[in-house]
Amino acid sequence: MCLEALLTVSKTGNLIFGLASRSWKGDAYTFSRSSTVIINMSIHFPKKLLKSLPILAALALGTTAVQAEQVDLVSLNLSGAGFAPHVLPGINGTNYIFPVESYFQQWSARGIKTMRFPIIWERLQPKLGGPLDPTYVALIDRTFGYAQKHNVKIILDLHNYARYRGQIIGTSSVPYARYQEIMTKIAQQWSKQPALYAYDIMNEPNGALAYWPTAAQYGINGVRAVDKTRPIIVEGNGWASATRWAEWNDSLLNLKDPSNNIIFSAHSYFDENAGGSYGDVDVNKLDAMYGVNRVKPFVEWLKKHGKRGYIGEFGVPDNNPRWNLLMDNMLAYLKQNCVPASYWAAGPGWGSYFMSVEPVNGVERPQWATLKKYVDNTSCSAYGPKTTATSTPVATTPTVTSPSTSTSSTVTSTINNFTNTDWLNGVYRKKPGFSLPATAANKTAFKVGASVKMANGEVRKITSVQIGNNLGVYLEGAAVNGSTVGYPKTLTLVSN
């Protein structure tokens, strides 16, 4: 970069830039004359816009028209440094594997320009509140160097599930202040790295409903003590599930960022528990729009509350081409809404792992042909969702015509028979919800706004419906007792 700039701050808090004509290496911005730019800091701008002085210069009246930042709709999780988190501290190349330069070189050549990079808190800071481990820090430094060399942006992900050494942030073992401290140390260590794009402050919080919203604010505070501009990515409770996002994460709406640059992140896999194991799911029985329906609750939540979002993890098996159809439809929907997504996974050490997108013996993985359709993006200049986007893409294969949407007032369904920590006899324990068979008749009948009668005689309205291998029907009011209204009882539609 060859650039001469003068930066001042006005009494009103605006940034004022004076800029001489120069070129911007790598981004190809060229300016023909000097200019002055006044930026109102009460308006939110993407990090790259604030960071790139030539772009700021182009905003001045009469200068060259600005070229908007392009959002990378598909990126990759470059995993390896987070392997074997139970082996501490572990050894690079034995228990965990940092990527060598060739991974950045090869994926950059294929068009990948953003990577989510998981690291482990306990390896970075072996003693809570103590100094950073110099060996692990040096390996992360090296990773940033490779990324910068090959024009790749890094989302740095603290991959710890809202825990340190198994203890939830906010409990007496891991005070909130210690979490804020590590996020400050991370920003101090790497905020000057040009390849750093964003901070993903915690991977997949779970079992922490009472703690995570408070902890997330401490994490934001920790970053903003040092870095005032880059995006902060906040994942949701419940393993960041996109499908069940709205059930657990309204409390995150209260988060405060003085830089107004939060991006919410959900994860989505297409097996029943959304964990990515894919042990017992038959893709041939899943609707072509199944992937769309898995992420849609998250996208609709973002639209409802005017927030920006990102799918931080998604992935499909390599054993059936139909998985790629479901993924294709999901990516088309996300593209319509300008919601980017990072595929799980790439990087060293995966071998023949069924979701890996790393070539095996030079042969591309089956998932890559679908992913690369969305790599070259010219349609999105900011994180979405777009409120005017079409809500559902057209399926790329013919689908069976749905039955008539008219329903009988006496439709009755059985309730699924399963019990676990979240469900009792097919009834959700934490809010009024029932799991029903996902038959065509049930999907047609049990709609939002309809009223249903439970086995105890109560009548309540349906407030939300989730379609997967089963049909989740959620009602207004307080939680109900699965011992009273669950399997082998039934749920009856009384109006629609």
Protein backbone atom coordinates (compact mmCIF):
# COMPACT_ATOMS: atom_id res chain seq x y z
CA MET A 1 0.00 0.00 0.00
CA CYS A 2 1.24 3.48 -0.85
CA LEU A 3 -0.99 5.98 0.92
CA GLU A 4 -0.71 9.35 2.62
CA ALA A 5 -3.53 10.21 5.01
CA LEU A 6 -4.38 12.65 7.78
CA LEU A 7 -6.82 11.48 10.47
CA THR A 8 -8.48 13.84 12.92
CA VAL A 9 -11.50 13.65 15.18
CA SER A 10 -14.02 16.49 15.22
CA LYS A 11 -15.64 17.87 18.38
CA THR A 12 -18.84 16.07 17.39
CA GLY A 13 -17.09 12.71 17.38
CA ASN A 14 -16.90 12.33 13.60
CA LEU A 15 -13.79 11.05 11.85
CA ILE A 16 -12.25 13.38 9.28
CA PHE A 17 -9.86 11.98 6.69
CA GLY A 18 -7.65 13.91 4.30
CA LEU A 19 -6.22 11.70 1.57
CA ALA A 20 -3.76 12.17 -1.28
CA SER A 21 -4.17 10.18 -4.47
CA ARG A 22 -2.65 6.72 -4.16
CA SER A 23 -3.47 3.10 -5.04
CA TRP A 24 -4.56 0.39 -2.62
CA LYS A 25 -2.63 -2.85 -3.03
CA GLY A 26 -4.81 -5.93 -3.12
CA ASP A 27 -8.18 -4.19 -3.27
CA ALA A 28 -7.46 -2.32 -6.52
CA TYR A 29 -8.93 1.01 -5.42
CA THR A 30 -7.35 3.98 -7.28
CA PHE A 31 -8.04 7.67 -6.73
CA SER A 32 -7.25 10.53 -9.05
CA ARG A 33 -7.20 13.47 -6.67
CA SER A 34 -7.06 14.59 -3.05
CA SER A 35 -10.22 14.42 -1.00
CA THR A 36 -11.61 14.98 2.46
CA VAL A 37 -14.09 12.61 4.09
CA ILE A 38 -16.27 13.21 7.15
CA ILE A 39 -17.67 10.02 8.64
CA ASN A 40 -20.58 10.22 11.07
CA MET A 41 -19.64 7.65 13.68
CA SER A 42 -23.23 7.23 14.83
CA ILE A 43 -23.78 5.31 11.60
CA HIS A 44 -22.68 1.66 11.50
CA PHE A 45 -20.14 0.68 8.86
CA PRO A 46 -18.66 -2.76 8.23
CA LYS A 47 -15.21 -3.28 9.70
CA LYS A 48 -13.47 -3.35 6.34
CA LEU A 49 -15.01 0.00 5.43
CA LEU A 50 -13.64 1.61 8.59
CA LYS A 51 -10.29 -0.08 8.14
CA SER A 52 -9.67 0.78 4.49
CA LEU A 53 -8.77 4.46 4.08
CA PRO A 54 -9.06 4.39 0.28
CA ILE A 55 -12.67 3.26 0.57
CA LEU A 56 -13.35 6.05 3.04
CA ALA A 57 -11.83 8.52 0.62
CA ALA A 58 -14.14 7.38 -2.12
CA LEU A 59 -17.12 8.30 0.03
CA ALA A 60 -16.30 12.00 -0.34
CA LEU A 61 -18.44 14.00 -2.71
CA GLY A 62 -16.91 14.18 -6.16
CA THR A 63 -14.40 11.36 -5.73
CA THR A 64 -14.28 8.02 -7.49
CA ALA A 65 -17.41 5.93 -6.81
CA VAL A 66 -16.99 3.47 -3.97
CA GLN A 67 -16.88 -0.26 -4.63
CA ALA A 68 -18.84 -1.95 -1.83
CA GLU A 69 -17.34 -4.76 0.19
CA GLN A 70 -18.34 -8.21 -1.06
CA VAL A 71 -19.50 -10.68 1.56
CA ASP A 72 -17.95 -14.14 1.24
CA LEU A 73 -21.10 -16.27 1.15
CA VAL A 74 -19.19 -19.55 1.58
CA SER A 75 -16.16 -19.94 3.80
CA LEU A 76 -14.55 -22.90 5.54
CA ASN A 77 -13.81 -24.00 9.09
CA LEU A 78 -10.07 -24.62 8.97
CA SER A 79 -9.95 -27.02 11.89
CA GLY A 80 -7.05 -28.82 13.49
CA ALA A 81 -5.75 -26.49 16.18
CA GLY A 82 -8.81 -27.37 18.27
CA PHE A 83 -8.51 -31.15 18.00
CA ALA A 84 -8.44 -33.33 21.16
CA PRO A 85 -9.40 -30.56 23.61
CA HIS A 86 -9.40 -33.13 26.42
CA VAL A 87 -5.64 -33.65 25.95
CA LEU A 88 -4.01 -30.66 27.60
CA PRO A 89 -1.81 -29.00 26.75
CA GLY A 90 -1.22 -31.44 23.90
CA ILE A 91 1.44 -31.40 21.19
CA ASN A 92 1.11 -29.85 17.74
CA GLY A 93 1.26 -32.60 15.14
CA THR A 94 0.28 -35.27 17.66
CA ASN A 95 -2.85 -34.21 19.53
CA TYR A 96 -3.76 -31.19 17.43
CA ILE A 97 -2.58 -29.92 14.06
CA PHE A 98 -2.03 -26.34 12.95
CA PRO A 99 -2.35 -25.92 9.17
CA VAL A 100 0.74 -25.45 7.07
CA GLU A 101 0.90 -22.82 4.36
CA SER A 102 -0.34 -25.11 1.56
CA TYR A 103 -3.86 -25.16 3.00
CA PHE A 104 -4.16 -21.39 2.63
CA GLN A 105 -2.51 -21.44 -0.77
CA GLN A 106 -4.76 -24.18 -2.17
CA TRP A 107 -8.06 -22.92 -0.78
CA SER A 108 -7.32 -19.33 -1.76
CA ALA A 109 -6.68 -20.58 -5.31
CA ARG A 110 -10.12 -22.24 -5.24
CA GLY A 111 -11.72 -18.93 -4.31
CA ILE A 112 -12.06 -19.29 -0.53
CA LYS A 113 -11.24 -15.92 1.05
CA THR A 114 -12.54 -16.34 4.61
CA MET A 115 -11.83 -19.08 7.16
CA ARG A 116 -13.20 -19.65 10.63
CA PHE A 117 -10.29 -20.79 12.75
CA PRO A 118 -11.00 -22.64 16.05
CA ILE A 119 -8.56 -22.36 18.96
CA ILE A 120 -8.75 -23.76 22.50
CA TRP A 121 -8.78 -21.50 25.55
CA GLU A 122 -6.93 -23.98 27.82
CA ARG A 123 -4.07 -24.26 25.33
CA LEU A 124 -3.90 -20.53 24.80
CA GLN A 125 -4.04 -19.80 28.56
CA PRO A 126 -3.05 -22.95 30.49
CA LYS A 127 -3.81 -21.32 33.86
CA LEU A 128 -7.00 -19.30 34.27
CA GLY A 129 -5.98 -15.67 34.63
CA GLY A 130 -2.38 -16.48 33.73
CA PRO A 131 -0.19 -15.53 30.77
CA LEU A 132 -0.70 -16.81 27.25
CA ASP A 133 1.26 -19.88 26.20
CA PRO A 134 4.07 -18.69 23.91
CA THR A 135 4.14 -21.87 21.81
CA TYR A 136 0.42 -21.78 21.02
CA VAL A 137 0.58 -18.02 20.42
CA ALA A 138 3.45 -18.48 17.97
CA LEU A 139 1.48 -21.09 16.02
CA ILE A 140 -1.51 -18.74 15.79
CA ASP A 141 0.82 -15.94 14.69
CA ARG A 142 2.16 -18.22 11.97
CA THR A 143 -1.40 -19.00 10.86
CA PHE A 144 -2.20 -15.31 10.49
CA GLY A 145 0.95 -14.88 8.45
CA TYR A 146 -0.07 -17.61 6.02
CA ALA A 147 -3.57 -16.13 5.75
CA GLN A 148 -2.26 -12.66 5.01
CA LYS A 149 0.14 -13.96 2.39
CA HIS A 150 -2.67 -15.69 0.50
CA ASN A 151 -5.34 -13.00 0.93
CA VAL A 152 -7.49 -14.97 3.37
CA LYS A 153 -9.45 -13.38 6.23
CA ILE A 154 -9.62 -15.14 9.59
CA ILE A 155 -12.58 -15.42 11.97
CA LEU A 156 -10.83 -16.31 15.22
CA ASP A 157 -13.07 -18.74 17.13
CA LEU A 158 -12.67 -19.53 20.84
CA HIS A 159 -13.94 -23.11 20.55
CA ASN A 160 -14.89 -23.82 24.17
CA TYR A 161 -18.68 -24.33 24.51
CA ALA A 162 -18.94 -21.59 27.21
CA ARG A 163 -16.51 -23.49 29.45
CA TYR A 164 -12.96 -23.52 30.75
CA ARG A 165 -11.70 -26.95 31.81
CA GLY A 166 -15.30 -28.15 31.82
CA GLN A 167 -16.64 -25.42 34.11
CA ILE A 168 -19.25 -22.98 32.80
CA ILE A 169 -18.32 -19.31 32.52
CA GLY A 170 -20.06 -17.42 35.30
CA THR A 171 -19.79 -20.11 37.95
CA SER A 172 -17.44 -19.72 40.89
CA SER A 173 -14.75 -21.74 39.09
CA VAL A 174 -14.70 -19.48 36.02
CA PRO A 175 -15.74 -15.92 36.94
CA TYR A 176 -17.06 -13.68 34.19
CA ALA A 177 -14.07 -11.38 34.71
CA ARG A 178 -11.67 -14.15 33.67
CA TYR A 179 -13.55 -14.61 30.41
CA GLN A 180 -13.50 -10.87 29.73
CA GLU A 181 -9.78 -10.94 30.45
CA ILE A 182 -9.01 -13.65 27.90
CA MET A 183 -10.98 -11.83 25.21
CA THR A 184 -9.00 -8.67 26.00
CA LYS A 185 -5.75 -10.62 25.76
CA ILE A 186 -6.81 -12.12 22.43
CA ALA A 187 -7.58 -8.65 21.06
CA GLN A 188 -4.30 -7.29 22.40
CA GLN A 189 -2.38 -10.13 20.80
CA TRP A 190 -3.98 -10.17 17.35
CA SER A 191 -5.95 -6.98 16.69
CA LYS A 192 -3.02 -5.63 14.66
CA GLN A 193 -3.05 -8.67 12.37
CA PRO A 194 -4.34 -7.47 8.97
CA ALA A 195 -5.80 -10.92 8.23
CA LEU A 196 -8.06 -10.84 11.31
CA TYR A 197 -11.65 -10.25 10.18
CA ALA A 198 -13.76 -10.95 13.28
CA TYR A 199 -13.81 -12.40 16.78
CA ASP A 200 -16.12 -15.40 17.30
CA ILE A 201 -16.17 -15.04 21.07
CA MET A 202 -17.42 -18.56 21.92
CA ASN A 203 -18.32 -21.73 20.05
CA GLU A 204 -21.67 -23.44 20.73
CA PRO A 205 -22.62 -22.37 24.27
CA ASN A 206 -24.74 -25.09 25.85
CA GLY A 207 -26.14 -25.93 29.25
CA ALA A 208 -25.58 -22.29 30.14
CA LEU A 209 -28.97 -20.60 29.76
CA ALA A 210 -28.53 -18.78 33.07
CA TYR A 211 -25.00 -17.66 32.26
CA TRP A 212 -24.33 -17.14 28.57
CA PRO A 213 -26.12 -13.80 27.95
CA THR A 214 -24.14 -12.20 30.79
CA ALA A 215 -20.94 -13.94 29.74
CA ALA A 216 -21.36 -12.77 26.14
CA GLN A 217 -21.53 -9.16 27.31
CA TYR A 218 -18.30 -9.65 29.25
CA GLY A 219 -16.73 -11.12 26.11
CA ILE A 220 -17.82 -8.13 24.04
CA ASN A 221 -16.45 -5.77 26.68
CA GLY A 222 -13.15 -7.61 26.62
CA VAL A 223 -12.72 -7.22 22.87
CA ARG A 224 -13.89 -3.60 22.77
CA ALA A 225 -11.36 -2.62 25.44
CA VAL A 226 -8.82 -2.98 22.62
CA ASP A 227 -10.46 -3.34 19.19
CA LYS A 228 -13.16 -0.79 18.41
CA THR A 229 -13.93 -1.75 14.82
CA ARG A 230 -13.94 -5.43 13.92
CA PRO A 231 -17.13 -7.52 14.01
CA ILE A 232 -17.86 -9.55 17.13
CA ILE A 233 -19.63 -12.82 16.35
CA VAL A 234 -21.98 -14.06 19.07
CA GLU A 235 -23.24 -17.64 18.97
CA GLY A 236 -26.44 -18.70 20.67
CA ASN A 237 -27.36 -21.02 23.51
CA GLY A 238 -28.44 -24.57 22.72
CA TRP A 239 -25.28 -25.38 20.73
CA ALA A 240 -26.12 -22.36 18.52
CA SER A 241 -28.89 -24.39 16.85
CA ALA A 242 -30.41 -22.45 13.95
CA THR A 243 -33.63 -24.45 14.13
CA ARG A 244 -34.25 -23.74 17.81
CA TRP A 245 -32.57 -20.36 17.97
CA ALA A 246 -35.68 -18.37 18.90
CA GLU A 247 -36.46 -20.66 21.84
CA TRP A 248 -33.29 -19.80 23.73
CA ASN A 249 -31.74 -16.59 22.48
CA ASP A 250 -34.07 -13.61 22.81
CA SER A 251 -31.99 -12.59 25.82
CA LEU A 252 -29.07 -11.90 23.47
CA LEU A 253 -31.05 -8.97 22.08
CA ASN A 254 -30.02 -7.07 25.21
CA LEU A 255 -26.31 -7.21 24.37
CA LYS A 256 -24.61 -3.83 24.01
CA ASP A 257 -21.74 -3.13 21.64
CA PRO A 258 -20.44 0.46 21.61
CA SER A 259 -19.29 -0.14 18.03
CA ASN A 260 -22.66 -1.55 16.93
CA ASN A 261 -20.95 -4.40 15.11
CA ILE A 262 -22.38 -7.69 16.41
CA ILE A 263 -23.11 -10.56 14.04
CA PHE A 264 -25.14 -13.44 15.46
CA SER A 265 -24.03 -16.94 14.51
CA ALA A 266 -26.06 -20.16 14.34
CA HIS A 267 -25.03 -23.67 13.36
CA SER A 268 -27.02 -26.13 11.27
CA TYR A 269 -26.65 -29.83 10.55
CA PHE A 270 -29.36 -31.94 8.98
CA ASP A 271 -29.57 -34.87 11.39
CA GLU A 272 -32.34 -35.01 13.98
CA ASN A 273 -30.39 -33.60 16.93
CA ALA A 274 -28.46 -31.16 14.68
CA GLY A 275 -25.18 -32.46 16.10
CA GLY A 276 -23.59 -33.54 12.83
CA SER A 277 -23.26 -37.24 13.65
CA TYR A 278 -25.74 -38.35 10.96
CA GLY A 279 -25.91 -41.77 12.54
CA ASP A 280 -29.49 -42.83 11.80
CA VAL A 281 -31.02 -40.35 9.35
CA ASP A 282 -32.26 -41.48 5.92
CA VAL A 283 -31.75 -38.58 3.54
CA ASN A 284 -34.05 -40.18 0.97
CA LYS A 285 -36.96 -39.55 3.33
CA LEU A 286 -36.15 -35.87 3.83
CA ASP A 287 -37.87 -33.14 1.85
CA ALA A 288 -35.70 -31.26 -0.65
CA MET A 289 -36.23 -28.08 1.38
CA TYR A 290 -35.23 -29.70 4.67
CA GLY A 291 -32.01 -27.69 4.94
CA VAL A 292 -33.91 -24.46 4.27
CA ASN A 293 -36.38 -25.28 7.02
CA ARG A 294 -33.53 -25.94 9.45
CA VAL A 295 -32.02 -22.46 9.07
CA LYS A 296 -35.21 -20.50 8.43
CA PRO A 297 -36.14 -19.97 12.13
CA PHE A 298 -32.78 -18.25 12.67
CA VAL A 299 -33.11 -16.08 9.57
CA GLU A 300 -36.68 -15.12 10.47
CA TRP A 301 -35.53 -14.19 13.99
CA LEU A 302 -32.87 -11.94 12.50
CA LYS A 303 -35.43 -10.28 10.25
CA LYS A 304 -37.89 -9.79 13.09
CA HIS A 305 -35.32 -8.04 15.27
CA GLY A 306 -33.32 -6.24 12.57
CA LYS A 307 -30.09 -8.15 13.29
CA ARG A 308 -27.30 -9.50 11.07
CA GLY A 309 -26.44 -13.19 10.97
CA TYR A 310 -24.08 -15.89 9.82
CA ILE A 311 -24.10 -19.71 9.80
CA GLY A 312 -20.83 -20.57 11.50
CA GLU A 313 -21.03 -24.31 10.89
CA PHE A 314 -22.89 -26.58 8.51
CA GLY A 315 -21.95 -29.80 6.77
CA VAL A 316 -23.34 -32.87 5.05
CA PRO A 317 -22.14 -36.47 4.56
CA ASP A 318 -20.47 -37.73 1.41
CA ASN A 319 -22.52 -40.94 1.10
CA ASN A 320 -25.56 -39.80 -0.92
CA PRO A 321 -25.86 -37.11 -3.61
CA ARG A 322 -29.21 -36.06 -2.16
CA TRP A 323 -27.38 -34.42 0.75
CA ASN A 324 -25.91 -31.99 -1.75
CA LEU A 325 -29.38 -31.15 -3.02
CA LEU A 326 -30.52 -30.24 0.50
CA MET A 327 -27.34 -28.20 1.02
CA ASP A 328 -27.73 -26.51 -2.37
CA ASN A 329 -31.27 -25.36 -1.56
CA MET A 330 -30.15 -24.09 1.85
CA LEU A 331 -27.26 -22.13 0.35
CA ALA A 332 -29.56 -20.64 -2.28
CA TYR A 333 -31.90 -19.46 0.49
CA LEU A 334 -29.02 -18.02 2.49
CA LYS A 335 -27.70 -16.26 -0.61
CA GLN A 336 -31.10 -14.66 -1.20
CA ASN A 337 -30.85 -13.29 2.32
CA CYS A 338 -27.11 -12.42 2.18
CA VAL A 339 -26.41 -14.66 5.18
CA PRO A 340 -22.90 -16.17 4.82
CA ALA A 341 -21.99 -19.68 5.99
CA SER A 342 -18.81 -21.58 6.95
CA TYR A 343 -18.62 -25.26 5.95
CA TRP A 344 -17.46 -27.85 8.49
CA ALA A 345 -14.78 -28.77 7.80
CA ALA A 346 -11.43 -28.36 6.08
CA GLY A 347 -7.85 -28.42 7.27
CA PRO A 348 -5.32 -31.06 8.26
CA GLY A 349 -5.96 -34.37 9.95
CA TRP A 350 -9.43 -35.21 8.65
CA GLY A 351 -8.47 -38.13 6.40
CA SER A 352 -11.64 -39.75 5.07
CA TYR A 353 -13.99 -38.01 7.56
CA PHE A 354 -17.40 -38.06 5.90
CA MET A 355 -18.02 -34.29 6.13
CA SER A 356 -14.51 -33.14 5.24
CA VAL A 357 -14.17 -31.12 2.07
CA GLU A 358 -10.41 -31.68 1.82
CA PRO A 359 -9.46 -33.54 -1.39
CA VAL A 360 -8.37 -37.15 -0.86
CA ASN A 361 -5.40 -38.21 -3.02
CA GLY A 362 -6.08 -35.24 -5.27
CA VAL A 363 -9.75 -36.12 -5.79
CA GLU A 364 -12.32 -33.47 -4.89
CA ARG A 365 -14.90 -34.38 -2.27
CA PRO A 366 -18.54 -34.74 -3.37
CA GLN A 367 -19.63 -31.66 -1.38
CA TRP A 368 -17.24 -29.27 -3.10
CA ALA A 369 -19.10 -29.08 -6.42
CA THR A 370 -22.11 -27.64 -4.59
CA LEU A 371 -20.13 -25.34 -2.32
CA LYS A 372 -18.11 -23.75 -5.10
CA LYS A 373 -21.31 -22.58 -6.83
CA TYR A 374 -21.62 -20.01 -4.03
CA VAL A 375 -17.99 -19.01 -3.63
CA ASP A 376 -17.89 -16.24 -6.24
CA ASN A 377 -20.28 -13.66 -4.87
CA THR A 378 -21.24 -10.41 -6.54
CA SER A 379 -24.69 -10.06 -5.03
CA CYS A 380 -24.17 -9.18 -1.35
CA SER A 381 -22.34 -6.11 -0.08
CA ALA A 382 -23.31 -6.50 3.60
CA TYR A 383 -24.32 -9.19 6.05
CA GLY A 384 -28.04 -9.92 5.87
CA PRO A 385 -30.71 -10.96 6.07
CA LYS A 386 -32.30 -8.85 3.38
CA THR A 387 -35.83 -8.10 4.49
CA THR A 388 -37.05 -8.09 0.90
CA ALA A 389 -35.55 -11.45 -0.04
CA THR A 390 -37.68 -14.28 -1.27
CA SER A 391 -38.23 -16.44 1.77
CA THR A 392 -37.81 -19.84 0.13
CA PRO A 393 -35.84 -20.80 -2.98
CA VAL A 394 -37.32 -23.00 -5.66
CA ALA A 395 -36.34 -26.62 -5.13
CA THR A 396 -33.94 -27.90 -7.77
CA THR A 397 -35.81 -31.18 -8.18
CA PRO A 398 -39.53 -31.80 -8.62
CA THR A 399 -41.47 -32.20 -5.40
CA VAL A 400 -44.74 -33.95 -4.71
CA THR A 401 -47.76 -31.64 -4.76
CA SER A 402 -48.94 -30.89 -1.25
CA PRO A 403 -52.47 -31.76 -0.16
CA SER A 404 -55.06 -29.03 0.02
CA THR A 405 -54.39 -26.53 2.79
CA SER A 406 -57.95 -26.72 4.05
CA THR A 407 -58.16 -28.80 7.20
CA SER A 408 -60.81 -30.51 9.17
CA SER A 409 -61.69 -29.14 12.60
CA THR A 410 -61.26 -32.61 14.10
CA VAL A 411 -57.73 -33.54 12.97
CA THR A 412 -56.10 -35.61 15.70
CA SER A 413 -52.48 -36.73 15.90
CA THR A 414 -50.60 -39.13 18.10
CA ILE A 415 -47.70 -37.72 20.12
CA ASN A 416 -44.24 -39.20 19.62
CA ASN A 417 -43.00 -41.48 22.35
CA PHE A 418 -39.60 -40.38 23.61
CA THR A 419 -38.17 -39.01 26.85
CA ASN A 420 -34.83 -37.29 27.50
CA THR A 421 -33.50 -34.23 29.29
CA ASP A 422 -35.54 -31.91 27.07
CA TRP A 423 -38.67 -33.98 26.44
CA LEU A 424 -41.11 -36.04 28.54
CA ASN A 425 -43.36 -38.45 26.60
CA GLY A 426 -42.98 -36.30 23.50
CA VAL A 427 -43.75 -33.04 25.34
CA TYR A 428 -41.13 -30.30 25.60
CA ARG A 429 -40.20 -29.66 29.22
CA LYS A 430 -39.23 -25.97 29.03
CA LYS A 431 -42.14 -24.48 27.08
CA PRO A 432 -45.46 -25.87 25.78
CA GLY A 433 -44.46 -27.99 22.80
CA PHE A 434 -45.33 -31.36 21.31
CA SER A 435 -43.42 -33.63 18.95
CA LEU A 436 -45.72 -35.14 16.33
CA PRO A 437 -45.04 -37.41 13.35
CA ALA A 438 -44.10 -35.25 10.36
CA THR A 439 -46.79 -36.67 8.10
CA ALA A 440 -48.15 -34.66 5.18
CA ALA A 441 -51.51 -34.41 6.95
CA ASN A 442 -49.97 -33.08 10.15
CA LYS A 443 -47.79 -30.55 8.32
CA THR A 444 -50.88 -29.31 6.51
CA ALA A 445 -53.11 -29.19 9.59
CA PHE A 446 -50.98 -27.93 12.46
CA LYS A 447 -50.25 -24.33 11.43
CA VAL A 448 -49.32 -21.20 13.36
CA GLY A 449 -52.50 -19.49 14.58
CA ALA A 450 -54.56 -22.65 14.77
CA SER A 451 -55.95 -23.87 18.10
CA VAL A 452 -55.39 -27.31 19.55
CA LYS A 453 -56.88 -29.25 22.44
CA MET A 454 -54.59 -31.17 24.77
CA ALA A 455 -55.51 -34.34 26.64
CA ASN A 456 -56.33 -32.33 29.78
CA GLY A 457 -59.00 -30.40 27.88
CA GLU A 458 -57.05 -27.11 27.58
CA VAL A 459 -57.27 -25.27 24.25
CA ARG A 460 -54.31 -23.14 23.17
CA LYS A 461 -53.08 -21.47 19.99
CA ILE A 462 -50.03 -22.64 18.04
CA THR A 463 -47.28 -20.01 18.12
CA SER A 464 -44.57 -21.77 16.09
CA VAL A 465 -43.97 -24.97 14.12
CA GLN A 466 -40.66 -26.65 13.32
CA ILE A 467 -40.48 -29.21 10.53
CA GLY A 468 -37.82 -31.92 10.55
CA ASN A 469 -37.89 -35.70 10.86
CA ASN A 470 -40.63 -34.90 13.38
CA LEU A 471 -43.04 -31.98 13.61
CA GLY A 472 -42.49 -29.66 16.58
CA VAL A 473 -45.71 -27.82 17.52
CA TYR A 474 -45.28 -25.06 20.12
CA LEU A 475 -48.16 -23.35 21.96
CA GLU A 476 -48.81 -20.15 23.85
CA GLY A 477 -48.75 -20.08 27.64
CA ALA A 478 -46.77 -21.94 30.26
CA ALA A 479 -45.07 -25.33 29.94
CA VAL A 480 -47.28 -28.40 30.28
CA ASN A 481 -46.80 -31.73 32.02
CA GLY A 482 -45.85 -34.55 29.67
CA SER A 483 -47.03 -37.07 32.24
CA THR A 484 -50.55 -35.67 31.84
CA VAL A 485 -50.81 -34.73 28.16
CA GLY A 486 -47.95 -36.69 26.53
CA TYR A 487 -47.74 -40.09 24.87
CA PRO A 488 -49.90 -42.17 24.53
CA LYS A 489 -52.34 -39.23 24.52
CA THR A 490 -53.18 -37.23 21.39
CA LEU A 491 -53.25 -33.61 20.26
CA THR A 492 -56.40 -32.43 18.44
CA LEU A 493 -56.78 -29.50 16.06
CA VAL A 494 -59.98 -27.63 16.86
CA SER A 495 -59.68 -24.66 14.45
CA ASN A 496 -57.48 -23.29 11.69
